[in-house]
Amino acid sequence: MEKEILLELVEKSKLSSFKHNYYFLFAKRGFTRSCIEEAEGMSNVRLIKFEEM
């Protein structure tokens, strides 16, 4: 999964009225290095690979 998908999800979630958002992203083929690095800097994101399910 690409970093851009994570960033797009975060942007779209700003349209909601929730104060706190948590993101659980699931990927069958894994995540790109840039996506992992971006998520590491965000305390409300959890990346879950297929092997972990």
PDB file of N, CA and C in Angstrom:
ATOM      1  N   MET A   1       0.846  -1.170   0.000  1.00  0.00           N
ATOM      2  CA  MET A   1       0.000   0.000   0.000  1.00  0.00           C
ATOM      3  C   MET A   1       0.891   1.233   0.000  1.00  0.00           C
ATOM      4  N   GLU A   2       0.503   2.182  -0.799  1.00  0.00           N
ATOM      5  CA  GLU A   2       1.272   3.415  -0.956  1.00  0.00           C
ATOM      6  C   GLU A   2       0.958   4.438   0.136  1.00  0.00           C
ATOM      7  N   LYS A   3       1.925   5.284   0.417  1.00  0.00           N
ATOM      8  CA  LYS A   3       1.779   6.358   1.399  1.00  0.00           C
ATOM      9  C   LYS A   3       0.623   7.291   1.034  1.00  0.00           C
ATOM     10  N   GLU A   4       0.412   7.518  -0.258  1.00  0.00           N
ATOM     11  CA  GLU A   4      -0.631   8.441  -0.709  1.00  0.00           C
ATOM     12  C   GLU A   4      -2.030   7.986  -0.266  1.00  0.00           C
ATOM     13  N   ILE A   5      -2.232   6.700  -0.167  1.00  0.00           N
ATOM     14  CA  ILE A   5      -3.533   6.180   0.281  1.00  0.00           C
ATOM     15  C   ILE A   5      -3.763   6.557   1.738  1.00  0.00           C
ATOM     16  N   LEU A   6      -2.739   6.415   2.553  1.00  0.00           N
ATOM     17  CA  LEU A   6      -2.836   6.809   3.960  1.00  0.00           C
ATOM     18  C   LEU A   6      -3.134   8.298   4.075  1.00  0.00           C
ATOM     19  N   LEU A   7      -2.399   9.122   3.348  1.00  0.00           N
ATOM     20  CA  LEU A   7      -2.591  10.568   3.428  1.00  0.00           C
ATOM     21  C   LEU A   7      -3.971  10.984   2.916  1.00  0.00           C
ATOM     22  N   GLU A   8      -4.467  10.314   1.893  1.00  0.00           N
ATOM     23  CA  GLU A   8      -5.808  10.610   1.376  1.00  0.00           C
ATOM     24  C   GLU A   8      -6.875  10.263   2.412  1.00  0.00           C
ATOM     25  N   LEU A   9      -6.697   9.143   3.083  1.00  0.00           N
ATOM     26  CA  LEU A   9      -7.640   8.744   4.137  1.00  0.00           C
ATOM     27  C   LEU A   9      -7.657   9.770   5.268  1.00  0.00           C
ATOM     28  N   VAL A  10      -6.498  10.225   5.674  1.00  0.00           N
ATOM     29  CA  VAL A  10      -6.406  11.230   6.740  1.00  0.00           C
ATOM     30  C   VAL A  10      -7.102  12.519   6.318  1.00  0.00           C
ATOM     31  N   GLU A  11      -6.879  12.949   5.094  1.00  0.00           N
ATOM     32  CA  GLU A  11      -7.528  14.171   4.590  1.00  0.00           C
ATOM     33  C   GLU A  11      -9.052  14.021   4.565  1.00  0.00           C
ATOM     34  N   LYS A  12      -9.540  12.909   4.069  1.00  0.00           N
ATOM     35  CA  LYS A  12     -10.986  12.695   3.992  1.00  0.00           C
ATOM     36  C   LYS A  12     -11.621  12.610   5.369  1.00  0.00           C
ATOM     37  N   SER A  13     -10.882  12.106   6.349  1.00  0.00           N
ATOM     38  CA  SER A  13     -11.437  11.979   7.697  1.00  0.00           C
ATOM     39  C   SER A  13     -11.650  13.343   8.356  1.00  0.00           C
ATOM     40  N   LYS A  14     -10.999  14.370   7.855  1.00  0.00           N
ATOM     41  CA  LYS A  14     -11.177  15.723   8.396  1.00  0.00           C
ATOM     42  C   LYS A  14     -12.579  16.255   8.131  1.00  0.00           C
ATOM     43  N   LEU A  15     -13.289  15.614   7.218  1.00  0.00           N
ATOM     44  CA  LEU A  15     -14.666  16.009   6.920  1.00  0.00           C
ATOM     45  C   LEU A  15     -15.648  15.519   7.988  1.00  0.00           C
ATOM     46  N   SER A  16     -15.214  14.561   8.801  1.00  0.00           N
ATOM     47  CA  SER A  16     -16.095  14.030   9.843  1.00  0.00           C
ATOM     48  C   SER A  16     -16.107  14.951  11.055  1.00  0.00           C
ATOM     49  N   SER A  17     -17.071  14.743  11.917  1.00  0.00           N
ATOM     50  CA  SER A  17     -17.182  15.580  13.110  1.00  0.00           C
ATOM     51  C   SER A  17     -16.461  14.970  14.319  1.00  0.00           C
ATOM     52  N   PHE A  18     -15.798  13.849  14.125  1.00  0.00           N
ATOM     53  CA  PHE A  18     -15.082  13.207  15.227  1.00  0.00           C
ATOM     54  C   PHE A  18     -13.829  13.996  15.583  1.00  0.00           C
ATOM     55  N   LYS A  19     -13.563  14.102  16.871  1.00  0.00           N
ATOM     56  CA  LYS A  19     -12.384  14.830  17.326  1.00  0.00           C
ATOM     57  C   LYS A  19     -11.114  13.994  17.169  1.00  0.00           C
ATOM     58  N   HIS A  20     -11.242  12.701  17.438  1.00  0.00           N
ATOM     59  CA  HIS A  20     -10.087  11.805  17.388  1.00  0.00           C
ATOM     60  C   HIS A  20     -10.361  10.703  16.369  1.00  0.00           C
ATOM     61  N   ASN A  21      -9.431  10.523  15.459  1.00  0.00           N
ATOM     62  CA  ASN A  21      -9.560   9.477  14.459  1.00  0.00           C
ATOM     63  C   ASN A  21      -8.421   8.476  14.610  1.00  0.00           C
ATOM     64  N   TYR A  22      -8.738   7.216  14.440  1.00  0.00           N
ATOM     65  CA  TYR A  22      -7.759   6.143  14.471  1.00  0.00           C
ATOM     66  C   TYR A  22      -7.873   5.388  13.162  1.00  0.00           C
ATOM     67  N   TYR A  23      -6.731   5.016  12.615  1.00  0.00           N
ATOM     68  CA  TYR A  23      -6.704   4.391  11.305  1.00  0.00           C
ATOM     69  C   TYR A  23      -6.073   3.007  11.395  1.00  0.00           C
ATOM     70  N   PHE A  24      -6.782   2.014  10.906  1.00  0.00           N
ATOM     71  CA  PHE A  24      -6.286   0.657  10.809  1.00  0.00           C
ATOM     72  C   PHE A  24      -6.285   0.296   9.334  1.00  0.00           C
ATOM     73  N   LEU A  25      -5.104   0.192   8.770  1.00  0.00           N
ATOM     74  CA  LEU A  25      -4.988  -0.118   7.348  1.00  0.00           C
ATOM     75  C   LEU A  25      -4.551  -1.566   7.193  1.00  0.00           C
ATOM     76  N   PHE A  26      -5.242  -2.286   6.356  1.00  0.00           N
ATOM     77  CA  PHE A  26      -4.966  -3.691   6.105  1.00  0.00           C
ATOM     78  C   PHE A  26      -4.444  -3.839   4.678  1.00  0.00           C
ATOM     79  N   ALA A  27      -3.367  -4.600   4.505  1.00  0.00           N
ATOM     80  CA  ALA A  27      -2.804  -4.793   3.176  1.00  0.00           C
ATOM     81  C   ALA A  27      -2.416  -6.250   2.977  1.00  0.00           C
ATOM     82  N   LYS A  28      -2.882  -6.796   1.895  1.00  0.00           N
ATOM     83  CA  LYS A  28      -2.565  -8.184   1.567  1.00  0.00           C
ATOM     84  C   LYS A  28      -1.107  -8.320   1.125  1.00  0.00           C
ATOM     85  N   ARG A  29      -0.615  -7.335   0.368  1.00  0.00           N
ATOM     86  CA  ARG A  29       0.745  -7.408  -0.170  1.00  0.00           C
ATOM     87  C   ARG A  29       1.744  -6.557   0.601  1.00  0.00           C
ATOM     88  N   GLY A  30       1.336  -5.948   1.695  1.00  0.00           N
ATOM     89  CA  GLY A  30       2.258  -5.165   2.505  1.00  0.00           C
ATOM     90  C   GLY A  30       2.190  -3.674   2.215  1.00  0.00           C
ATOM     91  N   PHE A  31       3.138  -2.943   2.789  1.00  0.00           N
ATOM     92  CA  PHE A  31       3.170  -1.492   2.717  1.00  0.00           C
ATOM     93  C   PHE A  31       4.513  -1.032   2.164  1.00  0.00           C
ATOM     94  N   THR A  32       4.498   0.079   1.451  1.00  0.00           N
ATOM     95  CA  THR A  32       5.746   0.629   0.949  1.00  0.00           C
ATOM     96  C   THR A  32       6.533   1.223   2.116  1.00  0.00           C
ATOM     97  N   ARG A  33       7.823   1.377   1.918  1.00  0.00           N
ATOM     98  CA  ARG A  33       8.691   1.945   2.958  1.00  0.00           C
ATOM     99  C   ARG A  33       8.208   3.343   3.331  1.00  0.00           C
ATOM    100  N   SER A  34       7.791   4.138   2.341  1.00  0.00           N
ATOM    101  CA  SER A  34       7.341   5.500   2.633  1.00  0.00           C
ATOM    102  C   SER A  34       6.062   5.499   3.464  1.00  0.00           C
ATOM    103  N   CYS A  35       5.177   4.537   3.227  1.00  0.00           N
ATOM    104  CA  CYS A  35       3.947   4.422   4.013  1.00  0.00           C
ATOM    105  C   CYS A  35       4.275   4.043   5.458  1.00  0.00           C
ATOM    106  N   ILE A  36       5.185   3.116   5.625  1.00  0.00           N
ATOM    107  CA  ILE A  36       5.590   2.694   6.970  1.00  0.00           C
ATOM    108  C   ILE A  36       6.219   3.858   7.728  1.00  0.00           C
ATOM    109  N   GLU A  37       7.085   4.595   7.063  1.00  0.00           N
ATOM    110  CA  GLU A  37       7.741   5.737   7.709  1.00  0.00           C
ATOM    111  C   GLU A  37       6.732   6.817   8.089  1.00  0.00           C
ATOM    112  N   GLU A  38       5.771   7.069   7.221  1.00  0.00           N
ATOM    113  CA  GLU A  38       4.731   8.065   7.512  1.00  0.00           C
ATOM    114  C   GLU A  38       3.898   7.628   8.727  1.00  0.00           C
ATOM    115  N   ALA A  39       3.509   6.363   8.746  1.00  0.00           N
ATOM    116  CA  ALA A  39       2.687   5.829   9.841  1.00  0.00           C
ATOM    117  C   ALA A  39       3.441   5.834  11.172  1.00  0.00           C
ATOM    118  N   GLU A  40       4.741   5.619  11.131  1.00  0.00           N
ATOM    119  CA  GLU A  40       5.538   5.625  12.357  1.00  0.00           C
ATOM    120  C   GLU A  40       5.513   6.987  13.036  1.00  0.00           C
ATOM    121  N   GLY A  41       5.316   8.038  12.265  1.00  0.00           N
ATOM    122  CA  GLY A  41       5.256   9.383  12.825  1.00  0.00           C
ATOM    123  C   GLY A  41       3.872   9.779  13.300  1.00  0.00           C
ATOM    124  N   MET A  42       2.920   8.861  13.170  1.00  0.00           N
ATOM    125  CA  MET A  42       1.533   9.142  13.567  1.00  0.00           C
ATOM    126  C   MET A  42       1.121   8.137  14.640  1.00  0.00           C
ATOM    127  N   SER A  43       0.697   8.620  15.788  1.00  0.00           N
ATOM    128  CA  SER A  43       0.351   7.723  16.893  1.00  0.00           C
ATOM    129  C   SER A  43      -1.021   7.074  16.740  1.00  0.00           C
ATOM    130  N   ASN A  44      -1.798   7.513  15.772  1.00  0.00           N
ATOM    131  CA  ASN A  44      -3.161   6.999  15.614  1.00  0.00           C
ATOM    132  C   ASN A  44      -3.314   6.091  14.388  1.00  0.00           C
ATOM    133  N   VAL A  45      -2.193   5.563  13.887  1.00  0.00           N
ATOM    134  CA  VAL A  45      -2.228   4.699  12.706  1.00  0.00           C
ATOM    135  C   VAL A  45      -1.644   3.336  13.041  1.00  0.00           C
ATOM    136  N   ARG A  46      -2.317   2.292  12.584  1.00  0.00           N
ATOM    137  CA  ARG A  46      -1.835   0.915  12.749  1.00  0.00           C
ATOM    138  C   ARG A  46      -1.868   0.249  11.387  1.00  0.00           C
ATOM    139  N   LEU A  47      -0.718  -0.233  10.930  1.00  0.00           N
ATOM    140  CA  LEU A  47      -0.622  -0.941   9.666  1.00  0.00           C
ATOM    141  C   LEU A  47      -0.625  -2.444   9.950  1.00  0.00           C
ATOM    142  N   ILE A  48      -1.506  -3.160   9.306  1.00  0.00           N
ATOM    143  CA  ILE A  48      -1.648  -4.590   9.570  1.00  0.00           C
ATOM    144  C   ILE A  48      -1.472  -5.357   8.258  1.00  0.00           C
ATOM    145  N   LYS A  49      -0.459  -6.209   8.231  1.00  0.00           N
ATOM    146  CA  LYS A  49      -0.188  -7.027   7.054  1.00  0.00           C
ATOM    147  C   LYS A  49      -1.045  -8.294   7.102  1.00  0.00           C
ATOM    148  N   PHE A  50      -1.218  -8.902   5.953  1.00  0.00           N
ATOM    149  CA  PHE A  50      -2.029 -10.121   5.827  1.00  0.00           C
ATOM    150  C   PHE A  50      -1.534 -11.212   6.784  1.00  0.00           C
ATOM    151  N   GLU A  51      -0.230 -11.347   6.923  1.00  0.00           N
ATOM    152  CA  GLU A  51       0.346 -12.392   7.798  1.00  0.00           C
ATOM    153  C   GLU A  51      -0.039 -12.198   9.263  1.00  0.00           C
ATOM    154  N   GLU A  52      -0.378 -10.982   9.646  1.00  0.00           N
ATOM    155  CA  GLU A  52      -0.715 -10.678  11.036  1.00  0.00           C
ATOM    156  C   GLU A  52      -2.174 -10.959  11.364  1.00  0.00           C
ATOM    157  N   MET A  53      -2.974 -11.188  10.342  1.00  0.00           N
ATOM    158  CA  MET A  53      -4.408 -11.413  10.573  1.00  0.00           C
ATOM    159  C   MET A  53      -4.673 -12.843  10.979  1.00  0.00           C
TER     160      MET A  53
END
